[in-house]
PDB file of all heavy atoms in Angstrom:
ATOM      1  N   LEU A   1       0.539  -8.498  -4.968  1.00  0.00           N
ATOM      2  CA  LEU A   1       1.699  -9.021  -5.590  1.00  0.00           C
ATOM      3  C   LEU A   1       2.927  -8.708  -4.828  1.00  0.00           C
ATOM      4  O   LEU A   1       2.991  -7.583  -4.213  1.00  0.00           O
ATOM      5  CB  LEU A   1       1.848  -8.496  -7.056  1.00  0.00           C
ATOM      6  CG  LEU A   1       0.733  -8.786  -8.002  1.00  0.00           C
ATOM      7  CD1 LEU A   1       1.075  -8.225  -9.370  1.00  0.00           C
ATOM      8  CD2 LEU A   1       0.456 -10.295  -8.120  1.00  0.00           C
ATOM      9  N   ASP A   2       3.896  -9.622  -4.771  1.00  0.00           N
ATOM     10  CA  ASP A   2       5.140  -9.279  -4.116  1.00  0.00           C
ATOM     11  C   ASP A   2       5.951  -8.428  -5.084  1.00  0.00           C
ATOM     12  O   ASP A   2       5.545  -8.143  -6.227  1.00  0.00           O
ATOM     13  CB  ASP A   2       5.878 -10.510  -3.589  1.00  0.00           C
ATOM     14  CG  ASP A   2       6.410 -11.406  -4.723  1.00  0.00           C
ATOM     15  OD1 ASP A   2       6.492 -10.977  -5.895  1.00  0.00           O
ATOM     16  OD2 ASP A   2       6.747 -12.566  -4.400  1.00  0.00           O
ATOM     17  N   TYR A   3       7.141  -8.069  -4.709  1.00  0.00           N
ATOM     18  CA  TYR A   3       7.909  -7.118  -5.514  1.00  0.00           C
ATOM     19  C   TYR A   3       8.696  -7.806  -6.659  1.00  0.00           C
ATOM     20  O   TYR A   3       9.472  -7.167  -7.369  1.00  0.00           O
ATOM     21  CB  TYR A   3       8.827  -6.284  -4.592  1.00  0.00           C
ATOM     22  CG  TYR A   3       7.938  -5.371  -3.787  1.00  0.00           C
ATOM     23  CD1 TYR A   3       7.649  -5.671  -2.469  1.00  0.00           C
ATOM     24  CD2 TYR A   3       7.389  -4.247  -4.320  1.00  0.00           C
ATOM     25  CE1 TYR A   3       6.810  -4.899  -1.738  1.00  0.00           C
ATOM     26  CE2 TYR A   3       6.543  -3.444  -3.601  1.00  0.00           C
ATOM     27  CZ  TYR A   3       6.248  -3.778  -2.308  1.00  0.00           C
ATOM     28  OH  TYR A   3       5.410  -2.994  -1.565  1.00  0.00           O
ATOM     29  N   THR A   4       8.407  -9.096  -6.887  1.00  0.00           N
ATOM     30  CA  THR A   4       8.902  -9.778  -8.117  1.00  0.00           C
ATOM     31  C   THR A   4       7.739  -9.950  -9.034  1.00  0.00           C
ATOM     32  O   THR A   4       7.931 -10.460 -10.160  1.00  0.00           O
ATOM     33  CB  THR A   4       9.567 -11.112  -7.768  1.00  0.00           C
ATOM     34  OG1 THR A   4       8.546 -11.988  -7.263  1.00  0.00           O
ATOM     35  CG2 THR A   4      10.655 -10.943  -6.776  1.00  0.00           C
ATOM     36  N   GLY A   5       6.513  -9.550  -8.645  1.00  0.00           N
ATOM     37  CA  GLY A   5       5.348  -9.707  -9.546  1.00  0.00           C
ATOM     38  C   GLY A   5       4.539 -10.942  -9.341  1.00  0.00           C
ATOM     39  O   GLY A   5       3.581 -11.209 -10.079  1.00  0.00           O
ATOM     40  N   LYS A   6       4.860 -11.729  -8.324  1.00  0.00           N
ATOM     41  CA  LYS A   6       4.143 -13.024  -8.011  1.00  0.00           C
ATOM     42  C   LYS A   6       3.065 -12.730  -6.941  1.00  0.00           C
ATOM     43  O   LYS A   6       3.286 -11.961  -6.056  1.00  0.00           O
ATOM     44  CB  LYS A   6       5.113 -14.064  -7.554  1.00  0.00           C
ATOM     45  CG  LYS A   6       6.130 -14.439  -8.598  1.00  0.00           C
ATOM     46  CD  LYS A   6       7.117 -15.386  -8.033  1.00  0.00           C
ATOM     47  CE  LYS A   6       8.212 -15.633  -9.082  1.00  0.00           C
ATOM     48  NZ  LYS A   6       9.411 -16.237  -8.471  1.00  0.00           N
ATOM     49  N   PRO A   7       1.884 -13.417  -7.047  1.00  0.00           N
ATOM     50  CA  PRO A   7       0.870 -13.320  -6.058  1.00  0.00           C
ATOM     51  C   PRO A   7       1.405 -13.712  -4.683  1.00  0.00           C
ATOM     52  O   PRO A   7       2.213 -14.644  -4.577  1.00  0.00           O
ATOM     53  CB  PRO A   7      -0.231 -14.251  -6.487  1.00  0.00           C
ATOM     54  CG  PRO A   7       0.042 -14.403  -7.970  1.00  0.00           C
ATOM     55  CD  PRO A   7       1.497 -14.310  -8.165  1.00  0.00           C
ATOM     56  N   THR A   8       0.957 -13.036  -3.614  1.00  0.00           N
ATOM     57  CA  THR A   8       1.429 -13.346  -2.274  1.00  0.00           C
ATOM     58  C   THR A   8       0.229 -13.201  -1.343  1.00  0.00           C
ATOM     59  O   THR A   8      -0.681 -12.429  -1.548  1.00  0.00           O
ATOM     60  CB  THR A   8       2.537 -12.372  -1.844  1.00  0.00           C
ATOM     61  OG1 THR A   8       2.934 -12.750  -0.542  1.00  0.00           O
ATOM     62  CG2 THR A   8       2.128 -10.944  -1.838  1.00  0.00           C
ATOM     63  N   ALA A   9       0.244 -14.006  -0.277  1.00  0.00           N
ATOM     64  CA  ALA A   9      -0.765 -13.927   0.779  1.00  0.00           C
ATOM     65  C   ALA A   9      -0.293 -13.062   1.925  1.00  0.00           C
ATOM     66  O   ALA A   9      -0.985 -12.882   2.889  1.00  0.00           O
ATOM     67  CB  ALA A   9      -1.120 -15.297   1.275  1.00  0.00           C
ATOM     68  N   TYR A  10       0.962 -12.560   1.875  1.00  0.00           N
ATOM     69  CA  TYR A  10       1.507 -11.752   2.943  1.00  0.00           C
ATOM     70  C   TYR A  10       1.045 -10.324   2.828  1.00  0.00           C
ATOM     71  O   TYR A  10       0.575  -9.879   1.796  1.00  0.00           O
ATOM     72  CB  TYR A  10       3.003 -11.867   2.965  1.00  0.00           C
ATOM     73  CG  TYR A  10       3.486 -13.307   3.165  1.00  0.00           C
ATOM     74  CD1 TYR A  10       3.951 -14.057   2.114  1.00  0.00           C
ATOM     75  CD2 TYR A  10       3.396 -13.873   4.424  1.00  0.00           C
ATOM     76  CE1 TYR A  10       4.378 -15.371   2.303  1.00  0.00           C
ATOM     77  CE2 TYR A  10       3.758 -15.216   4.620  1.00  0.00           C
ATOM     78  CZ  TYR A  10       4.268 -15.921   3.559  1.00  0.00           C
ATOM     79  OH  TYR A  10       4.675 -17.233   3.753  1.00  0.00           O
ATOM     80  N   SER A  11       1.266  -9.585   3.880  1.00  0.00           N
ATOM     81  CA  SER A  11       0.713  -8.215   3.890  1.00  0.00           C
ATOM     82  C   SER A  11       1.567  -7.230   3.130  1.00  0.00           C
ATOM     83  O   SER A  11       1.104  -6.207   2.678  1.00  0.00           O
ATOM     84  CB  SER A  11       0.632  -7.727   5.341  1.00  0.00           C
ATOM     85  OG  SER A  11       1.926  -7.707   5.937  1.00  0.00           O
ATOM     86  N   TYR A  12       2.851  -7.588   2.826  1.00  0.00           N
ATOM     87  CA  TYR A  12       3.685  -6.650   2.047  1.00  0.00           C
ATOM     88  C   TYR A  12       3.522  -6.913   0.564  1.00  0.00           C
ATOM     89  O   TYR A  12       3.368  -8.059   0.178  1.00  0.00           O
ATOM     90  CB  TYR A  12       5.150  -6.801   2.478  1.00  0.00           C
ATOM     91  CG  TYR A  12       5.348  -6.557   3.934  1.00  0.00           C
ATOM     92  CD1 TYR A  12       5.842  -7.581   4.725  1.00  0.00           C
ATOM     93  CD2 TYR A  12       4.954  -5.402   4.528  1.00  0.00           C
ATOM     94  CE1 TYR A  12       6.003  -7.403   6.118  1.00  0.00           C
ATOM     95  CE2 TYR A  12       5.102  -5.183   5.901  1.00  0.00           C
ATOM     96  CZ  TYR A  12       5.625  -6.194   6.666  1.00  0.00           C
ATOM     97  OH  TYR A  12       5.788  -5.995   7.991  1.00  0.00           O
ATOM     98  N   GLY A  13       3.637  -5.905  -0.212  1.00  0.00           N
ATOM     99  CA  GLY A  13       3.488  -5.993  -1.602  1.00  0.00           C
ATOM    100  C   GLY A  13       2.686  -4.809  -2.195  1.00  0.00           C
ATOM    101  O   GLY A  13       2.567  -3.771  -1.517  1.00  0.00           O
ATOM    102  N   PHE A  14       2.138  -4.993  -3.376  1.00  0.00           N
ATOM    103  CA  PHE A  14       1.413  -3.879  -3.978  1.00  0.00           C
ATOM    104  C   PHE A  14       0.177  -4.406  -4.669  1.00  0.00           C
ATOM    105  O   PHE A  14       0.078  -5.584  -5.019  1.00  0.00           O
ATOM    106  CB  PHE A  14       2.302  -3.086  -4.948  1.00  0.00           C
ATOM    107  CG  PHE A  14       2.656  -3.834  -6.231  1.00  0.00           C
ATOM    108  CD1 PHE A  14       1.914  -3.641  -7.374  1.00  0.00           C
ATOM    109  CD2 PHE A  14       3.720  -4.713  -6.247  1.00  0.00           C
ATOM    110  CE1 PHE A  14       2.278  -4.312  -8.508  1.00  0.00           C
ATOM    111  CE2 PHE A  14       4.104  -5.360  -7.381  1.00  0.00           C
ATOM    112  CZ  PHE A  14       3.346  -5.193  -8.553  1.00  0.00           C
ATOM    113  N   SER A  15      -0.771  -3.509  -4.868  1.00  0.00           N
ATOM    114  CA  SER A  15      -1.997  -3.789  -5.594  1.00  0.00           C
ATOM    115  C   SER A  15      -2.466  -2.458  -6.142  1.00  0.00           C
ATOM    116  O   SER A  15      -1.750  -1.474  -6.138  1.00  0.00           O
ATOM    117  CB  SER A  15      -3.024  -4.431  -4.656  1.00  0.00           C
ATOM    118  OG  SER A  15      -3.388  -3.531  -3.635  1.00  0.00           O
ATOM    119  N   CYS A  16      -3.671  -2.480  -6.713  1.00  0.00           N
ATOM    120  CA  CYS A  16      -4.239  -1.237  -7.268  1.00  0.00           C
ATOM    121  C   CYS A  16      -5.501  -0.993  -6.476  1.00  0.00           C
ATOM    122  O   CYS A  16      -6.293  -1.859  -6.159  1.00  0.00           O
ATOM    123  CB  CYS A  16      -4.643  -1.552  -8.767  1.00  0.00           C
ATOM    124  SG  CYS A  16      -5.137  -0.084  -9.701  1.00  0.00           S
ATOM    125  N   ALA A  17      -5.647   0.304  -6.070  1.00  0.00           N
ATOM    126  CA  ALA A  17      -6.759   0.602  -5.141  1.00  0.00           C
ATOM    127  C   ALA A  17      -7.158   2.033  -5.307  1.00  0.00           C
ATOM    128  O   ALA A  17      -6.471   2.880  -5.879  1.00  0.00           O
ATOM    129  CB  ALA A  17      -6.292   0.353  -3.697  1.00  0.00           C
ATOM    130  N   CYS A  18      -8.317   2.358  -4.753  1.00  0.00           N
ATOM    131  CA  CYS A  18      -8.842   3.704  -4.604  1.00  0.00           C
ATOM    132  C   CYS A  18      -8.939   4.078  -3.134  1.00  0.00           C
ATOM    133  O   CYS A  18      -9.348   3.271  -2.316  1.00  0.00           O
ATOM    134  CB  CYS A  18     -10.169   3.874  -5.261  1.00  0.00           C
ATOM    135  SG  CYS A  18     -10.097   3.683  -7.063  1.00  0.00           S
ATOM    136  N   VAL A  19      -8.574   5.283  -2.812  1.00  0.00           N
ATOM    137  CA  VAL A  19      -8.701   5.848  -1.469  1.00  0.00           C
ATOM    138  C   VAL A  19      -9.663   6.992  -1.527  1.00  0.00           C
ATOM    139  O   VAL A  19      -9.442   7.961  -2.274  1.00  0.00           O
ATOM    140  CB  VAL A  19      -7.350   6.343  -0.937  1.00  0.00           C
ATOM    141  CG1 VAL A  19      -7.507   6.952   0.433  1.00  0.00           C
ATOM    142  CG2 VAL A  19      -6.339   5.206  -0.866  1.00  0.00           C
ATOM    143  N   GLU A  20     -10.725   6.890  -0.765  1.00  0.00           N
ATOM    144  CA  GLU A  20     -11.664   8.026  -0.631  1.00  0.00           C
ATOM    145  C   GLU A  20     -11.352   8.710   0.647  1.00  0.00           C
ATOM    146  O   GLU A  20     -11.204   8.066   1.696  1.00  0.00           O
ATOM    147  CB  GLU A  20     -13.100   7.500  -0.647  1.00  0.00           C
ATOM    148  CG  GLU A  20     -13.517   6.826  -1.953  1.00  0.00           C
ATOM    149  CD  GLU A  20     -14.900   6.231  -1.876  1.00  0.00           C
ATOM    150  OE1 GLU A  20     -15.738   6.658  -1.046  1.00  0.00           O
ATOM    151  OE2 GLU A  20     -15.131   5.284  -2.632  1.00  0.00           O
ATOM    152  N   GLY A  21     -11.253  10.054   0.566  1.00  0.00           N
ATOM    153  CA  GLY A  21     -10.911  10.794   1.770  1.00  0.00           C
ATOM    154  C   GLY A  21     -10.774  12.247   1.478  1.00  0.00           C
ATOM    155  O   GLY A  21     -11.249  12.778   0.446  1.00  0.00           O
ATOM    156  N   GLU A  22     -10.089  12.936   2.380  1.00  0.00           N
ATOM    157  CA  GLU A  22      -9.827  14.358   2.222  1.00  0.00           C
ATOM    158  C   GLU A  22      -8.351  14.583   2.045  1.00  0.00           C
ATOM    159  O   GLU A  22      -7.514  14.014   2.794  1.00  0.00           O
ATOM    160  CB  GLU A  22     -10.302  15.143   3.444  1.00  0.00           C
ATOM    161  CG  GLU A  22     -11.883  15.132   3.528  1.00  0.00           C
ATOM    162  CD  GLU A  22     -12.361  15.999   4.648  1.00  0.00           C
ATOM    163  OE1 GLU A  22     -11.604  16.822   5.216  1.00  0.00           O
ATOM    164  OE2 GLU A  22     -13.536  15.827   5.002  1.00  0.00           O
ATOM    165  N   PHE A  23      -7.982  15.371   1.050  1.00  0.00           N
ATOM    166  CA  PHE A  23      -6.597  15.625   0.719  1.00  0.00           C
ATOM    167  C   PHE A  23      -6.423  17.103   0.577  1.00  0.00           C
ATOM    168  O   PHE A  23      -7.332  17.850   0.123  1.00  0.00           O
ATOM    169  CB  PHE A  23      -6.263  14.988  -0.637  1.00  0.00           C
ATOM    170  CG  PHE A  23      -6.509  13.504  -0.639  1.00  0.00           C
ATOM    171  CD1 PHE A  23      -7.769  12.997  -0.910  1.00  0.00           C
ATOM    172  CD2 PHE A  23      -5.474  12.588  -0.441  1.00  0.00           C
ATOM    173  CE1 PHE A  23      -8.025  11.647  -0.936  1.00  0.00           C
ATOM    174  CE2 PHE A  23      -5.711  11.245  -0.464  1.00  0.00           C
ATOM    175  CZ  PHE A  23      -7.007  10.753  -0.736  1.00  0.00           C
ATOM    176  N   ARG A  24      -5.230  17.621   0.986  1.00  0.00           N
ATOM    177  CA  ARG A  24      -4.895  19.017   0.773  1.00  0.00           C
ATOM    178  C   ARG A  24      -3.413  19.130   0.501  1.00  0.00           C
ATOM    179  O   ARG A  24      -2.625  18.563   1.274  1.00  0.00           O
ATOM    180  CB  ARG A  24      -5.296  19.863   1.945  1.00  0.00           C
ATOM    181  CG  ARG A  24      -4.947  21.383   1.680  1.00  0.00           C
ATOM    182  CD  ARG A  24      -5.199  22.356   2.809  1.00  0.00           C
ATOM    183  NE  ARG A  24      -6.483  22.239   3.360  1.00  0.00           N
ATOM    184  CZ  ARG A  24      -6.714  22.305   4.672  1.00  0.00           C
ATOM    185  NH1 ARG A  24      -5.694  22.390   5.518  1.00  0.00           N
ATOM    186  NH2 ARG A  24      -7.929  22.220   5.175  1.00  0.00           N
ATOM    187  N   GLY A  25      -3.042  19.818  -0.558  1.00  0.00           N
ATOM    188  CA  GLY A  25      -1.634  19.932  -0.917  1.00  0.00           C
ATOM    189  C   GLY A  25      -1.084  18.506  -1.187  1.00  0.00           C
ATOM    190  O   GLY A  25      -1.601  17.816  -2.062  1.00  0.00           O
ATOM    191  N   ASP A  26      -0.097  18.108  -0.439  1.00  0.00           N
ATOM    192  CA  ASP A  26       0.441  16.744  -0.587  1.00  0.00           C
ATOM    193  C   ASP A  26       0.140  15.895   0.633  1.00  0.00           C
ATOM    194  O   ASP A  26       0.833  14.927   0.904  1.00  0.00           O
ATOM    195  CB  ASP A  26       1.944  16.782  -0.838  1.00  0.00           C
ATOM    196  CG  ASP A  26       2.695  17.413   0.340  1.00  0.00           C
ATOM    197  OD1 ASP A  26       2.100  17.924   1.257  1.00  0.00           O
ATOM    198  OD2 ASP A  26       3.946  17.392   0.277  1.00  0.00           O
ATOM    199  N   GLU A  27      -0.886  16.239   1.395  1.00  0.00           N
ATOM    200  CA  GLU A  27      -1.200  15.614   2.645  1.00  0.00           C
ATOM    201  C   GLU A  27      -2.559  14.896   2.594  1.00  0.00           C
ATOM    202  O   GLU A  27      -3.525  15.375   2.083  1.00  0.00           O
ATOM    203  CB  GLU A  27      -1.237  16.641   3.738  1.00  0.00           C
ATOM    204  CG  GLU A  27      -1.455  16.150   5.137  1.00  0.00           C
ATOM    205  CD  GLU A  27      -1.403  17.212   6.179  1.00  0.00           C
ATOM    206  OE1 GLU A  27      -1.271  18.379   5.827  1.00  0.00           O
ATOM    207  OE2 GLU A  27      -1.624  16.861   7.354  1.00  0.00           O
ATOM    208  N   VAL A  28      -2.602  13.699   3.228  1.00  0.00           N
ATOM    209  CA  VAL A  28      -3.863  12.964   3.407  1.00  0.00           C
ATOM    210  C   VAL A  28      -4.392  13.383   4.748  1.00  0.00           C
ATOM    211  O   VAL A  28      -3.825  13.152   5.832  1.00  0.00           O
ATOM    212  CB  VAL A  28      -3.619  11.451   3.434  1.00  0.00           C
ATOM    213  CG1 VAL A  28      -4.941  10.675   3.617  1.00  0.00           C
ATOM    214  CG2 VAL A  28      -2.927  10.970   2.158  1.00  0.00           C
ATOM    215  N   LEU A  29      -5.530  14.099   4.728  1.00  0.00           N
ATOM    216  CA  LEU A  29      -6.157  14.594   5.973  1.00  0.00           C
ATOM    217  C   LEU A  29      -6.991  13.547   6.609  1.00  0.00           C
ATOM    218  O   LEU A  29      -7.113  13.520   7.849  1.00  0.00           O
ATOM    219  CB  LEU A  29      -6.966  15.864   5.666  1.00  0.00           C
ATOM    220  CG  LEU A  29      -6.222  17.075   5.112  1.00  0.00           C
ATOM    221  CD1 LEU A  29      -7.132  18.172   4.881  1.00  0.00           C
ATOM    222  CD2 LEU A  29      -5.081  17.463   6.029  1.00  0.00           C
ATOM    223  N   SER A  30      -7.706  12.713   5.822  1.00  0.00           N
ATOM    224  CA  SER A  30      -8.476  11.638   6.407  1.00  0.00           C
ATOM    225  C   SER A  30      -8.792  10.612   5.307  1.00  0.00           C
ATOM    226  O   SER A  30      -8.773  10.925   4.116  1.00  0.00           O
ATOM    227  CB  SER A  30      -9.789  12.182   6.952  1.00  0.00           C
ATOM    228  OG  SER A  30     -10.629  12.660   5.905  1.00  0.00           O
ATOM    229  N   VAL A  31      -9.003   9.383   5.741  1.00  0.00           N
ATOM    230  CA  VAL A  31      -9.388   8.286   4.860  1.00  0.00           C
ATOM    231  C   VAL A  31     -10.753   7.792   5.284  1.00  0.00           C
ATOM    232  O   VAL A  31     -10.983   7.449   6.465  1.00  0.00           O
ATOM    233  CB  VAL A  31      -8.372   7.123   4.929  1.00  0.00           C
ATOM    234  CG1 VAL A  31      -8.802   5.939   4.147  1.00  0.00           C
ATOM    235  CG2 VAL A  31      -6.978   7.603   4.515  1.00  0.00           C
ATOM    236  N   ALA A  32     -11.692   7.773   4.319  1.00  0.00           N
ATOM    237  CA  ALA A  32     -13.074   7.308   4.623  1.00  0.00           C
ATOM    238  C   ALA A  32     -13.270   5.863   4.176  1.00  0.00           C
ATOM    239  O   ALA A  32     -13.991   5.110   4.773  1.00  0.00           O
ATOM    240  CB  ALA A  32     -14.081   8.225   3.971  1.00  0.00           C
ATOM    241  N   ARG A  33     -12.567   5.525   3.028  1.00  0.00           N
ATOM    242  CA  ARG A  33     -12.824   4.168   2.442  1.00  0.00           C
ATOM    243  C   ARG A  33     -11.659   3.801   1.561  1.00  0.00           C
ATOM    244  O   ARG A  33     -11.094   4.639   0.879  1.00  0.00           O
ATOM    245  CB  ARG A  33     -14.086   4.225   1.605  1.00  0.00           C
ATOM    246  CG  ARG A  33     -14.488   2.957   0.999  1.00  0.00           C
ATOM    247  CD  ARG A  33     -15.834   3.047   0.341  1.00  0.00           C
ATOM    248  NE  ARG A  33     -16.149   1.759  -0.279  1.00  0.00           N
ATOM    249  CZ  ARG A  33     -16.705   1.637  -1.473  1.00  0.00           C
ATOM    250  NH1 ARG A  33     -17.049   2.688  -2.194  1.00  0.00           N
ATOM    251  NH2 ARG A  33     -16.929   0.451  -1.964  1.00  0.00           N
TER     252      ARG A  33
END
């Protein structure tokens, strides 16, 4: 979605996702998926 809440085909905007990886403190050490 773009930042007005409308669907967009462009790379900028937001969605809901999960990141699998290694985290420590407030740092992303690696992303696996």
